[in-house]
Amino acid sequence: MQTILVTGATGSQGRPVVEGLLEAGYGVRMLARHPERAGDLTARGAEAAPGDLGDVEAVRTAVRGADGVFLLVPFFADPGAALEYGRHVIDAARDSGVRLIVWNPTGEIPPGPTGNPALDLRRDLLAHLEASGVPHVVLQPTAYLENLLGPWTREEVAEGDTFAYPTPNEVRIQWIATADVATFAVYAFGHPDLAPLNLKISGPERLSGEEVAERFSRALGRKVTFRPMPPREFGERLDRVFPGMGEDVTRAYEMAYTNPEMMSTHVDIDAALAKMPVRLTTVEEWVRQHAGAFSPAVENQTV
């Protein structure tokens, strides 16, 4: 049985990977700064390796003996630290003879320098991965549907039947569920011959804000309308959950109002599925799965 090390295993993006690997019959080792948060996963057979991505020896110990590594570095970490974390894992994988790294950079890797350290670190980490010589599959996802569970969106759906997001209706996004990103990752570990592969992935639909609201309406059985939220309002709401992130995010979404097409996603999902034929979740299916979160009875929650 192959053993896969998963970083970020207890988070909203890493947990579905652990679950998918266990269901597929892999042995799973989790590098966890807080192993107590993974009790349900260890009960299902996953192994918790206590440690932090910043601790080189802990990373090397966790990687040793693993056949594959799922790499995820915290997007909200200091960019310099996040780059260091990723390099620690890649270097340990190289030195241990790991057969495959599957990396989720949590978004698109810019084709050129942007001046935004949080985005440019993805370019730097990709260069380090390619130079390492470790076989790899990179999965670049579009916007996560789980972002809509944040209070900036969830509360208005639950309390006012309004889907609010900081983009004009002209922006069209191919939302993807974190579970689907995990499905791509599990598929990659089962097909190491795909390496080296750098693939943009998305959900199966490219939707405007009004079309997303219509999917909410069908899934919840009540009329939901779209409200283009002003980016400044969104940034203020985001700051309440992730202090200090609001200003940069505000500026990014302000660009969506001046150039909607630039903010839209353009993933050739048919080409991705030709390489990795997995089943994808529609927005309506995802909302049905999370219908309870959009009920007025649910207390405020964050992702």
Protein backbone atom coordinates (compact mmCIF):
# COMPACT_ATOMS: atom_id res chain seq x y z
CA MET A 1 0.00 0.00 0.00
CA GLN A 2 1.36 3.41 -0.98
CA THR A 3 1.73 6.05 1.70
CA ILE A 4 0.98 9.68 0.90
CA LEU A 5 2.03 12.56 3.13
CA VAL A 6 -0.54 15.37 3.20
CA THR A 7 0.37 18.86 4.38
CA GLY A 8 -2.41 21.17 5.54
CA ALA A 9 -4.37 18.03 6.32
CA THR A 10 -6.70 19.50 8.94
CA GLY A 11 -7.73 22.53 6.87
CA SER A 12 -10.66 22.97 4.52
CA GLN A 13 -8.51 22.21 1.46
CA GLY A 14 -6.34 19.40 2.82
CA ARG A 15 -8.99 17.45 4.70
CA PRO A 16 -10.89 16.35 1.54
CA VAL A 17 -7.58 15.06 0.13
CA VAL A 18 -7.02 12.91 3.22
CA GLU A 19 -10.58 11.60 3.02
CA GLY A 20 -10.29 10.85 -0.70
CA LEU A 21 -6.97 9.04 -0.30
CA LEU A 22 -8.32 6.92 2.56
CA GLU A 23 -11.39 6.00 0.51
CA ALA A 24 -9.10 5.02 -2.39
CA GLY A 25 -7.11 2.67 -0.15
CA TYR A 26 -3.93 4.70 0.38
CA GLY A 27 -2.03 4.94 3.59
CA VAL A 28 -2.11 8.56 4.71
CA ARG A 29 0.33 10.44 6.91
CA MET A 30 -0.61 13.95 8.00
CA LEU A 31 1.89 16.64 8.95
CA ALA A 32 -0.17 18.45 11.57
CA ARG A 33 0.75 21.34 13.82
CA HIS A 34 -2.39 20.50 15.85
CA PRO A 35 -2.82 16.71 15.67
CA GLU A 36 -5.78 16.89 18.05
CA ARG A 37 -7.82 18.45 15.24
CA ALA A 38 -7.38 15.31 13.16
CA GLY A 39 -8.91 12.87 15.63
CA ASP A 40 -11.66 11.75 13.27
CA LEU A 41 -9.12 11.16 10.50
CA THR A 42 -6.76 9.15 12.70
CA ALA A 43 -9.77 7.11 13.79
CA ARG A 44 -10.23 6.21 10.13
CA GLY A 45 -6.64 5.06 9.77
CA ALA A 46 -4.61 8.18 8.94
CA GLU A 47 -1.34 8.69 10.79
CA ALA A 48 -0.66 12.05 12.44
CA ALA A 49 2.94 13.27 12.28
CA PRO A 50 3.23 16.24 14.65
CA GLY A 51 5.20 19.07 13.18
CA ASP A 52 5.32 22.44 11.52
CA LEU A 53 6.27 23.27 7.93
CA GLY A 54 8.84 25.68 9.31
CA ASP A 55 10.64 22.85 11.16
CA VAL A 56 13.04 21.26 8.64
CA GLU A 57 13.68 18.14 10.72
CA ALA A 58 9.98 17.56 11.40
CA VAL A 59 9.29 17.85 7.68
CA ARG A 60 12.09 15.44 6.79
CA THR A 61 10.84 12.94 9.36
CA ALA A 62 7.29 13.15 8.02
CA VAL A 63 8.39 12.76 4.39
CA ARG A 64 10.73 9.84 5.03
CA GLY A 65 9.20 6.61 3.69
CA ALA A 66 6.35 8.32 1.86
CA ASP A 67 5.67 7.36 -1.75
CA GLY A 68 3.95 10.64 -2.56
CA VAL A 69 3.38 14.10 -1.09
CA PHE A 70 0.39 16.39 -1.37
CA LEU A 71 1.77 19.90 -0.95
CA LEU A 72 -0.30 22.78 0.34
CA VAL A 73 1.22 25.86 1.95
CA PRO A 74 -0.95 28.37 3.84
CA PHE A 75 -2.05 31.13 1.48
CA PHE A 76 -2.44 33.63 4.33
CA ALA A 77 1.08 33.04 5.63
CA ASP A 78 3.80 35.61 5.17
CA PRO A 79 4.89 35.08 1.52
CA GLY A 80 8.53 34.64 2.48
CA ALA A 81 7.61 32.06 5.10
CA ALA A 82 5.24 30.27 2.72
CA LEU A 83 7.99 29.97 0.12
CA GLU A 84 10.34 28.59 2.76
CA TYR A 85 7.70 26.05 3.86
CA GLY A 86 7.23 24.79 0.32
CA ARG A 87 10.96 24.49 -0.26
CA HIS A 88 11.36 22.47 2.93
CA VAL A 89 8.84 19.91 1.68
CA ILE A 90 10.20 19.77 -1.88
CA ASP A 91 13.80 19.38 -0.71
CA ALA A 92 12.83 16.63 1.74
CA ALA A 93 10.86 14.85 -0.99
CA ARG A 94 13.84 15.04 -3.34
CA ASP A 95 16.25 13.71 -0.73
CA SER A 96 13.90 10.87 0.26
CA GLY A 97 13.22 9.73 -3.31
CA VAL A 98 9.50 10.55 -3.26
CA ARG A 99 7.87 9.33 -6.47
CA LEU A 100 5.35 12.14 -6.94
CA ILE A 101 4.46 15.54 -5.51
CA VAL A 102 0.97 16.88 -6.15
CA TRP A 103 0.91 20.59 -5.44
CA ASN A 104 -2.17 22.76 -5.03
CA PRO A 105 -1.00 26.41 -5.16
CA THR A 106 -4.55 27.44 -4.10
CA GLY A 107 -5.03 29.48 -7.25
CA GLU A 108 -3.59 30.45 -10.59
CA ILE A 109 0.16 30.77 -11.00
CA PRO A 110 0.80 34.11 -12.76
CA PRO A 111 2.61 33.80 -16.11
CA GLY A 112 4.87 36.72 -15.13
CA PRO A 113 5.81 38.81 -12.07
CA THR A 114 2.88 40.73 -10.60
CA GLY A 115 4.51 42.71 -7.79
CA ASN A 116 2.13 40.98 -5.35
CA PRO A 117 4.30 38.78 -3.08
CA ALA A 118 1.39 36.46 -2.26
CA LEU A 119 1.02 35.63 -5.96
CA ASP A 120 4.65 35.78 -7.01
CA LEU A 121 5.63 33.19 -4.39
CA ARG A 122 3.71 30.66 -6.51
CA ARG A 123 6.03 31.39 -9.43
CA ASP A 124 9.07 31.03 -7.20
CA LEU A 125 7.84 27.78 -5.67
CA LEU A 126 7.02 26.35 -9.10
CA ALA A 127 10.57 27.13 -10.25
CA HIS A 128 11.97 25.36 -7.19
CA LEU A 129 9.73 22.34 -7.78
CA GLU A 130 10.73 22.07 -11.44
CA ALA A 131 14.42 22.40 -10.58
CA SER A 132 14.18 19.70 -7.90
CA GLY A 133 13.74 16.89 -10.39
CA VAL A 134 10.91 15.35 -8.34
CA PRO A 135 8.07 14.13 -10.60
CA HIS A 136 5.12 16.43 -10.00
CA VAL A 137 1.57 17.36 -10.89
CA VAL A 138 0.48 20.94 -10.26
CA LEU A 139 -3.25 21.65 -9.95
CA GLN A 140 -4.18 25.34 -10.34
CA PRO A 141 -7.80 25.77 -9.14
CA THR A 142 -10.15 28.65 -9.79
CA ALA A 143 -12.26 30.23 -7.02
CA TYR A 144 -13.44 27.84 -4.32
CA LEU A 145 -17.16 27.45 -3.76
CA GLU A 146 -16.32 27.15 -0.06
CA ASN A 147 -15.45 30.86 -0.09
CA LEU A 148 -19.19 31.46 -0.26
CA LEU A 149 -19.53 29.99 3.24
CA GLY A 150 -17.74 33.05 4.61
CA PRO A 151 -19.88 35.63 6.43
CA TRP A 152 -19.43 38.09 3.55
CA THR A 153 -21.75 35.90 1.42
CA ARG A 154 -23.42 33.27 3.58
CA GLU A 155 -25.23 35.67 5.89
CA GLU A 156 -27.03 37.55 3.11
CA VAL A 157 -28.19 34.33 1.48
CA ALA A 158 -29.48 33.01 4.79
CA GLU A 159 -31.05 36.22 6.06
CA GLY A 160 -32.02 38.11 2.92
CA ASP A 161 -32.12 35.60 0.05
CA THR A 162 -29.37 37.61 -1.63
CA PHE A 163 -26.21 36.23 -3.20
CA ALA A 164 -23.66 39.01 -2.63
CA TYR A 165 -20.20 38.94 -4.19
CA PRO A 166 -17.78 41.77 -5.08
CA THR A 167 -17.96 41.40 -8.85
CA PRO A 168 -20.22 42.92 -11.52
CA ASN A 169 -22.59 40.53 -13.25
CA GLU A 170 -20.37 40.59 -16.35
CA VAL A 171 -17.68 38.61 -14.52
CA ARG A 172 -18.05 34.90 -15.19
CA ILE A 173 -16.39 32.45 -12.80
CA GLN A 174 -15.86 28.69 -12.98
CA TRP A 175 -16.37 27.94 -9.29
CA ILE A 176 -14.85 24.68 -8.01
CA ALA A 177 -15.55 22.65 -4.87
CA THR A 178 -12.60 21.75 -2.65
CA ALA A 179 -13.77 18.13 -2.81
CA ASP A 180 -13.30 18.21 -6.58
CA VAL A 181 -9.75 19.53 -6.24
CA ALA A 182 -9.14 16.60 -3.91
CA THR A 183 -10.58 14.22 -6.51
CA PHE A 184 -8.09 15.54 -9.07
CA ALA A 185 -5.28 15.05 -6.55
CA VAL A 186 -6.25 11.46 -5.74
CA TYR A 187 -6.47 10.71 -9.47
CA ALA A 188 -2.97 12.11 -9.94
CA PHE A 189 -1.49 9.82 -7.29
CA GLY A 190 -3.07 6.88 -9.09
CA HIS A 191 -1.57 7.99 -12.41
CA PRO A 192 2.02 9.08 -11.73
CA ASP A 193 2.77 8.72 -15.44
CA LEU A 194 1.01 12.09 -15.89
CA ALA A 195 4.07 13.85 -14.45
CA PRO A 196 5.32 16.39 -15.17
CA LEU A 197 1.97 18.12 -15.53
CA ASN A 198 0.85 21.67 -14.74
CA LEU A 199 -2.91 21.86 -15.12
CA LYS A 200 -5.53 24.55 -14.63
CA ILE A 201 -8.72 23.07 -13.19
CA SER A 202 -12.20 24.39 -12.50
CA GLY A 203 -15.79 23.43 -11.97
CA PRO A 204 -17.98 22.41 -14.91
CA GLU A 205 -19.82 25.75 -15.31
CA ARG A 206 -18.79 29.32 -16.17
CA LEU A 207 -21.39 31.53 -14.50
CA SER A 208 -22.30 35.16 -13.97
CA GLY A 209 -23.45 36.40 -10.57
CA GLU A 210 -27.09 36.21 -11.61
CA GLU A 211 -26.62 32.65 -12.84
CA VAL A 212 -25.04 31.64 -9.52
CA ALA A 213 -28.04 33.20 -7.72
CA GLU A 214 -30.35 31.18 -9.96
CA ARG A 215 -28.52 27.97 -8.92
CA PHE A 216 -28.99 28.97 -5.28
CA SER A 217 -32.69 29.49 -5.96
CA ARG A 218 -33.12 26.02 -7.44
CA ALA A 219 -31.11 24.32 -4.71
CA LEU A 220 -32.76 26.11 -1.78
CA GLY A 221 -36.29 26.22 -3.17
CA ARG A 222 -36.63 29.97 -2.70
CA LYS A 223 -35.86 33.01 -4.82
CA VAL A 224 -32.30 34.29 -4.42
CA THR A 225 -31.15 37.43 -6.20
CA PHE A 226 -27.65 38.70 -6.99
CA ARG A 227 -26.14 41.82 -5.41
CA PRO A 228 -22.81 43.08 -6.77
CA MET A 229 -21.16 43.92 -3.47
CA PRO A 230 -18.89 47.00 -3.54
CA PRO A 231 -15.28 45.80 -3.21
CA ARG A 232 -14.64 48.16 -0.29
CA GLU A 233 -17.51 46.58 1.64
CA PHE A 234 -16.15 43.13 0.89
CA GLY A 235 -12.66 44.12 2.05
CA GLU A 236 -14.04 45.43 5.33
CA ARG A 237 -15.94 42.19 5.93
CA LEU A 238 -12.88 40.12 5.05
CA ASP A 239 -10.74 42.10 7.50
CA ARG A 240 -13.00 41.02 10.35
CA VAL A 241 -12.02 37.40 9.67
CA PHE A 242 -8.52 37.81 8.22
CA PRO A 243 -7.12 41.08 9.64
CA GLY A 244 -4.91 42.95 7.24
CA MET A 245 -6.11 41.18 4.07
CA GLY A 246 -8.91 43.58 3.19
CA GLU A 247 -7.00 46.34 1.42
CA ASP A 248 -5.20 44.13 -1.10
CA VAL A 249 -8.35 42.15 -1.83
CA THR A 250 -10.34 45.36 -2.25
CA ARG A 251 -7.91 46.58 -4.90
CA ALA A 252 -8.05 43.26 -6.73
CA TYR A 253 -11.83 43.26 -6.92
CA GLU A 254 -11.97 46.90 -7.93
CA MET A 255 -10.20 45.78 -11.08
CA ALA A 256 -13.16 43.50 -11.81
CA TYR A 257 -15.37 46.56 -12.20
CA THR A 258 -12.99 48.22 -14.64
CA ASN A 259 -12.16 45.06 -16.59
CA PRO A 260 -14.72 42.28 -15.98
CA GLU A 261 -13.19 39.98 -18.56
CA MET A 262 -9.81 40.07 -16.83
CA MET A 263 -11.39 38.91 -13.56
CA SER A 264 -13.38 36.18 -15.34
CA THR A 265 -11.90 32.67 -15.48
CA HIS A 266 -11.12 30.94 -18.76
CA VAL A 267 -10.12 27.37 -17.91
CA ASP A 268 -10.45 24.80 -20.69
CA ILE A 269 -12.06 22.25 -18.41
CA ASP A 270 -12.66 19.79 -21.25
CA ALA A 271 -8.92 19.68 -21.88
CA ALA A 272 -8.29 19.11 -18.17
CA LEU A 273 -10.84 16.30 -18.03
CA ALA A 274 -9.28 14.68 -21.08
CA LYS A 275 -6.13 14.21 -19.00
CA MET A 276 -7.84 13.54 -15.68
CA PRO A 277 -11.40 12.26 -16.21
CA VAL A 278 -13.05 12.94 -12.85
CA ARG A 279 -16.62 13.84 -11.97
CA LEU A 280 -17.19 17.50 -11.11
CA THR A 281 -19.76 19.14 -8.86
CA THR A 282 -22.13 21.76 -10.23
CA VAL A 283 -22.93 24.88 -8.22
CA GLU A 284 -26.49 23.68 -7.66
CA GLU A 285 -25.26 20.32 -6.35
CA TRP A 286 -22.81 22.07 -4.03
CA VAL A 287 -25.46 24.40 -2.62
CA ARG A 288 -27.74 21.41 -1.98
CA GLN A 289 -24.91 19.72 -0.09
CA HIS A 290 -24.49 22.83 2.08
CA ALA A 291 -28.13 23.91 2.25
CA GLY A 292 -28.07 23.92 6.04
CA ALA A 293 -25.37 26.58 6.06
CA PHE A 294 -27.64 28.91 4.10
CA SER A 295 -30.57 28.48 6.44
CA PRO A 296 -31.62 31.50 8.53
CA ALA A 297 -31.34 29.30 11.60
CA VAL A 298 -27.57 28.85 11.24
CA GLU A 299 -25.39 31.04 13.45
CA ASN A 300 -22.69 33.17 11.85
CA GLN A 301 -19.75 31.05 10.73
CA THR A 302 -16.53 31.46 8.82
CA VAL A 303 -14.47 29.29 6.50
